[in-house]
Amino acid sequence: MTERPRRRLRVLLAKLGMDTHTVGITVIGHALREAGMEVIFTGLKQTPEMVVAAAIQEDVDVVGISTLSAGHTRSLPKLAHLLEEAGAGDKLLLAGGVIPEEDKPLLHDAGVDAMFTMGTDTRDIVRYLEEWWARRQAAEEVA
């Protein structure tokens, strides 16, 4: 029996709204690429609708949003809802940047799987994604 080759993890990174701070998302993108993941960066000033369309078109496994503005309590739940509505609710939704502790339960309940705030070690993000991907691949092999 020949083993089917494993596909590399594909991650879409995006900045929603008028937030133009790119240092954090650039650092994360480099760390994920160094770890062997495919990374697609949509660029700046994206809407939730644009991110969902890109995630589907690029057939990604993970959608990562970097946020430094206060709009995350509106835009991230909308993004999660639109992913679900488009039949892409199986994609892991991550957020990072400036997210106050008190906002995390609301975002988690809305569908954001994990949040990595400023100062998170990139190795922790890579490890989180690698472990998630390994679990997902193992589940697909069983199915």
C-alpha atoms as a PDB file:
ATOM      1  CA  MET A   1       0.000   0.000   0.000  1.00  0.00           C
ATOM      2  CA  THR A   2       1.474   3.339  -1.026  1.00  0.00           C
ATOM      3  CA  GLU A   3       1.192   6.200   1.372  1.00  0.00           C
ATOM      4  CA  ARG A   4      -0.340   9.355  -0.003  1.00  0.00           C
ATOM      5  CA  PRO A   5       2.067  12.309   0.322  1.00  0.00           C
ATOM      6  CA  ARG A   6       1.090  14.826   2.959  1.00  0.00           C
ATOM      7  CA  ARG A   7       0.157  18.259   1.768  1.00  0.00           C
ATOM      8  CA  ARG A   8       1.827  21.274   3.335  1.00  0.00           C
ATOM      9  CA  LEU A   9      -0.228  23.413   5.668  1.00  0.00           C
ATOM     10  CA  ARG A  10      -1.571  26.473   3.846  1.00  0.00           C
ATOM     11  CA  VAL A  11      -2.081  29.677   5.844  1.00  0.00           C
ATOM     12  CA  LEU A  12      -3.768  32.885   4.714  1.00  0.00           C
ATOM     13  CA  LEU A  13      -2.695  36.004   6.611  1.00  0.00           C
ATOM     14  CA  ALA A  14      -4.696  39.219   6.379  1.00  0.00           C
ATOM     15  CA  LYS A  15      -5.132  42.707   7.817  1.00  0.00           C
ATOM     16  CA  LEU A  16      -8.737  43.866   8.145  1.00  0.00           C
ATOM     17  CA  GLY A  17      -9.933  47.435   7.784  1.00  0.00           C
ATOM     18  CA  MET A  18      -7.720  50.483   7.920  1.00  0.00           C
ATOM     19  CA  ASP A  19      -5.018  48.887  10.091  1.00  0.00           C
ATOM     20  CA  THR A  20      -1.733  49.318   8.209  1.00  0.00           C
ATOM     21  CA  HIS A  21       0.748  48.061  10.814  1.00  0.00           C
ATOM     22  CA  THR A  22       2.566  45.187   9.121  1.00  0.00           C
ATOM     23  CA  VAL A  23       5.573  44.374  11.308  1.00  0.00           C
ATOM     24  CA  GLY A  24       3.845  41.662  13.343  1.00  0.00           C
ATOM     25  CA  ILE A  25       2.150  39.891  10.450  1.00  0.00           C
ATOM     26  CA  THR A  26       5.390  40.027   8.449  1.00  0.00           C
ATOM     27  CA  VAL A  27       7.338  38.406  11.292  1.00  0.00           C
ATOM     28  CA  ILE A  28       4.669  35.714  11.670  1.00  0.00           C
ATOM     29  CA  GLY A  29       4.630  35.057   7.928  1.00  0.00           C
ATOM     30  CA  HIS A  30       8.400  34.560   7.865  1.00  0.00           C
ATOM     31  CA  ALA A  31       8.285  32.228  10.880  1.00  0.00           C
ATOM     32  CA  LEU A  32       5.571  30.086   9.298  1.00  0.00           C
ATOM     33  CA  ARG A  33       7.456  29.883   5.991  1.00  0.00           C
ATOM     34  CA  GLU A  34      10.656  28.933   7.821  1.00  0.00           C
ATOM     35  CA  ALA A  35       8.668  26.123   9.457  1.00  0.00           C
ATOM     36  CA  GLY A  36       7.696  24.792   6.010  1.00  0.00           C
ATOM     37  CA  MET A  37       4.173  26.171   5.728  1.00  0.00           C
ATOM     38  CA  GLU A  38       2.758  27.833   2.638  1.00  0.00           C
ATOM     39  CA  VAL A  39       1.800  31.418   3.455  1.00  0.00           C
ATOM     40  CA  ILE A  40      -0.441  33.691   1.420  1.00  0.00           C
ATOM     41  CA  PHE A  41      -0.657  37.342   2.488  1.00  0.00           C
ATOM     42  CA  THR A  42      -3.706  39.155   1.164  1.00  0.00           C
ATOM     43  CA  GLY A  43      -2.304  42.605   1.814  1.00  0.00           C
ATOM     44  CA  LEU A  44      -3.768  45.560   3.629  1.00  0.00           C
ATOM     45  CA  LYS A  45      -7.251  47.033   3.968  1.00  0.00           C
ATOM     46  CA  GLN A  46      -9.157  43.807   3.490  1.00  0.00           C
ATOM     47  CA  THR A  47     -12.839  43.331   4.275  1.00  0.00           C
ATOM     48  CA  PRO A  48     -14.153  40.121   5.856  1.00  0.00           C
ATOM     49  CA  GLU A  49     -15.774  39.314   2.507  1.00  0.00           C
ATOM     50  CA  MET A  50     -12.458  39.696   0.682  1.00  0.00           C
ATOM     51  CA  VAL A  51     -10.696  37.441   3.194  1.00  0.00           C
ATOM     52  CA  VAL A  52     -13.355  34.724   2.880  1.00  0.00           C
ATOM     53  CA  ALA A  53     -13.151  34.841  -0.921  1.00  0.00           C
ATOM     54  CA  ALA A  54      -9.345  34.580  -0.796  1.00  0.00           C
ATOM     55  CA  ALA A  55      -9.445  31.725   1.733  1.00  0.00           C
ATOM     56  CA  ILE A  56     -11.756  29.724  -0.517  1.00  0.00           C
ATOM     57  CA  GLN A  57      -9.920  30.579  -3.729  1.00  0.00           C
ATOM     58  CA  GLU A  58      -6.520  29.712  -2.230  1.00  0.00           C
ATOM     59  CA  ASP A  59      -7.894  26.563  -0.533  1.00  0.00           C
ATOM     60  CA  VAL A  60      -6.150  27.381   2.749  1.00  0.00           C
ATOM     61  CA  ASP A  61      -6.403  25.462   5.991  1.00  0.00           C
ATOM     62  CA  VAL A  62      -5.858  28.418   8.322  1.00  0.00           C
ATOM     63  CA  VAL A  63      -6.964  32.047   8.271  1.00  0.00           C
ATOM     64  CA  GLY A  64      -4.852  34.322  10.455  1.00  0.00           C
ATOM     65  CA  ILE A  65      -5.906  37.905  11.125  1.00  0.00           C
ATOM     66  CA  SER A  66      -3.604  40.538  12.577  1.00  0.00           C
ATOM     67  CA  THR A  67      -5.393  43.344  14.356  1.00  0.00           C
ATOM     68  CA  LEU A  68      -4.070  46.445  16.045  1.00  0.00           C
ATOM     69  CA  SER A  69      -7.210  48.537  15.828  1.00  0.00           C
ATOM     70  CA  ALA A  70     -10.312  48.364  17.995  1.00  0.00           C
ATOM     71  CA  GLY A  71     -12.518  46.921  15.255  1.00  0.00           C
ATOM     72  CA  HIS A  72     -11.772  43.282  16.067  1.00  0.00           C
ATOM     73  CA  THR A  73     -14.951  42.766  18.120  1.00  0.00           C
ATOM     74  CA  ARG A  74     -17.005  43.517  14.998  1.00  0.00           C
ATOM     75  CA  SER A  75     -14.830  42.291  12.135  1.00  0.00           C
ATOM     76  CA  LEU A  76     -13.663  38.934  13.526  1.00  0.00           C
ATOM     77  CA  PRO A  77     -17.148  37.632  14.442  1.00  0.00           C
ATOM     78  CA  LYS A  78     -18.352  38.767  11.011  1.00  0.00           C
ATOM     79  CA  LEU A  79     -15.450  36.952   9.347  1.00  0.00           C
ATOM     80  CA  ALA A  80     -16.162  33.752  11.305  1.00  0.00           C
ATOM     81  CA  HIS A  81     -19.859  33.953  10.348  1.00  0.00           C
ATOM     82  CA  LEU A  82     -19.041  34.517   6.673  1.00  0.00           C
ATOM     83  CA  LEU A  83     -16.613  31.576   6.633  1.00  0.00           C
ATOM     84  CA  GLU A  84     -19.306  29.340   8.096  1.00  0.00           C
ATOM     85  CA  GLU A  85     -21.944  30.690   5.705  1.00  0.00           C
ATOM     86  CA  ALA A  86     -19.642  30.028   2.716  1.00  0.00           C
ATOM     87  CA  GLY A  87     -19.087  26.412   3.759  1.00  0.00           C
ATOM     88  CA  ALA A  88     -15.542  27.150   4.923  1.00  0.00           C
ATOM     89  CA  GLY A  89     -16.147  26.850   8.643  1.00  0.00           C
ATOM     90  CA  ASP A  90     -13.612  24.010   8.845  1.00  0.00           C
ATOM     91  CA  LYS A  91     -10.745  26.475   8.447  1.00  0.00           C
ATOM     92  CA  LEU A  92      -8.842  27.273  11.617  1.00  0.00           C
ATOM     93  CA  LEU A  93      -9.395  30.950  12.440  1.00  0.00           C
ATOM     94  CA  LEU A  94      -6.634  32.684  14.385  1.00  0.00           C
ATOM     95  CA  ALA A  95      -6.201  36.262  15.500  1.00  0.00           C
ATOM     96  CA  GLY A  96      -3.204  38.145  16.743  1.00  0.00           C
ATOM     97  CA  GLY A  97      -2.038  41.582  17.715  1.00  0.00           C
ATOM     98  CA  VAL A  98      -3.704  43.827  20.259  1.00  0.00           C
ATOM     99  CA  ILE A  99      -6.646  41.936  21.745  1.00  0.00           C
ATOM    100  CA  PRO A 100      -7.662  42.850  25.299  1.00  0.00           C
ATOM    101  CA  GLU A 101      -8.229  39.895  27.633  1.00  0.00           C
ATOM    102  CA  GLU A 102     -11.849  40.920  28.146  1.00  0.00           C
ATOM    103  CA  ASP A 103     -12.541  40.581  24.395  1.00  0.00           C
ATOM    104  CA  LYS A 104     -11.168  37.043  24.093  1.00  0.00           C
ATOM    105  CA  PRO A 105     -14.282  35.150  25.324  1.00  0.00           C
ATOM    106  CA  LEU A 106     -16.507  37.031  22.857  1.00  0.00           C
ATOM    107  CA  LEU A 107     -14.130  36.281  19.977  1.00  0.00           C
ATOM    108  CA  HIS A 108     -13.750  32.640  20.977  1.00  0.00           C
ATOM    109  CA  ASP A 109     -17.526  32.223  21.192  1.00  0.00           C
ATOM    110  CA  ALA A 110     -17.843  33.847  17.760  1.00  0.00           C
ATOM    111  CA  GLY A 111     -15.519  31.264  16.196  1.00  0.00           C
ATOM    112  CA  VAL A 112     -11.949  32.488  16.631  1.00  0.00           C
ATOM    113  CA  ASP A 113     -10.083  29.315  17.576  1.00  0.00           C
ATOM    114  CA  ALA A 114      -7.000  30.898  19.163  1.00  0.00           C
ATOM    115  CA  MET A 115      -5.557  34.340  19.821  1.00  0.00           C
ATOM    116  CA  PHE A 116      -1.884  35.237  19.972  1.00  0.00           C
ATOM    117  CA  THR A 117      -1.320  38.693  21.391  1.00  0.00           C
ATOM    118  CA  MET A 118       1.707  40.948  21.075  1.00  0.00           C
ATOM    119  CA  GLY A 119       4.844  39.414  22.525  1.00  0.00           C
ATOM    120  CA  THR A 120       3.887  35.817  21.746  1.00  0.00           C
ATOM    121  CA  ASP A 121       6.946  33.814  20.750  1.00  0.00           C
ATOM    122  CA  THR A 122       6.645  32.818  17.085  1.00  0.00           C
ATOM    123  CA  ARG A 123       7.766  29.298  18.040  1.00  0.00           C
ATOM    124  CA  ASP A 124       4.591  28.966  20.111  1.00  0.00           C
ATOM    125  CA  ILE A 125       2.469  29.881  17.095  1.00  0.00           C
ATOM    126  CA  VAL A 126       4.372  27.467  14.856  1.00  0.00           C
ATOM    127  CA  ARG A 127       4.006  24.690  17.456  1.00  0.00           C
ATOM    128  CA  TYR A 128       0.270  25.368  17.814  1.00  0.00           C
ATOM    129  CA  LEU A 129      -0.235  25.120  14.055  1.00  0.00           C
ATOM    130  CA  GLU A 130       1.961  22.037  13.656  1.00  0.00           C
ATOM    131  CA  GLU A 131       0.082  20.221  16.423  1.00  0.00           C
ATOM    132  CA  TRP A 132      -3.293  21.236  14.994  1.00  0.00           C
ATOM    133  CA  TRP A 133      -2.214  20.125  11.509  1.00  0.00           C
ATOM    134  CA  ALA A 134      -0.938  16.760  12.786  1.00  0.00           C
ATOM    135  CA  ARG A 135      -4.271  16.110  14.527  1.00  0.00           C
ATOM    136  CA  ARG A 136      -6.192  17.073  11.399  1.00  0.00           C
ATOM    137  CA  GLN A 137      -4.045  14.887   9.145  1.00  0.00           C
ATOM    138  CA  ALA A 138      -4.422  11.935  11.534  1.00  0.00           C
ATOM    139  CA  ALA A 139      -8.202  12.386  11.580  1.00  0.00           C
ATOM    140  CA  GLU A 140      -8.300  12.445   7.762  1.00  0.00           C
ATOM    141  CA  GLU A 141      -6.268   9.228   7.595  1.00  0.00           C
ATOM    142  CA  VAL A 142      -8.758   7.495   9.884  1.00  0.00           C
ATOM    143  CA  ALA A 143     -11.764   8.748   7.907  1.00  0.00           C
END
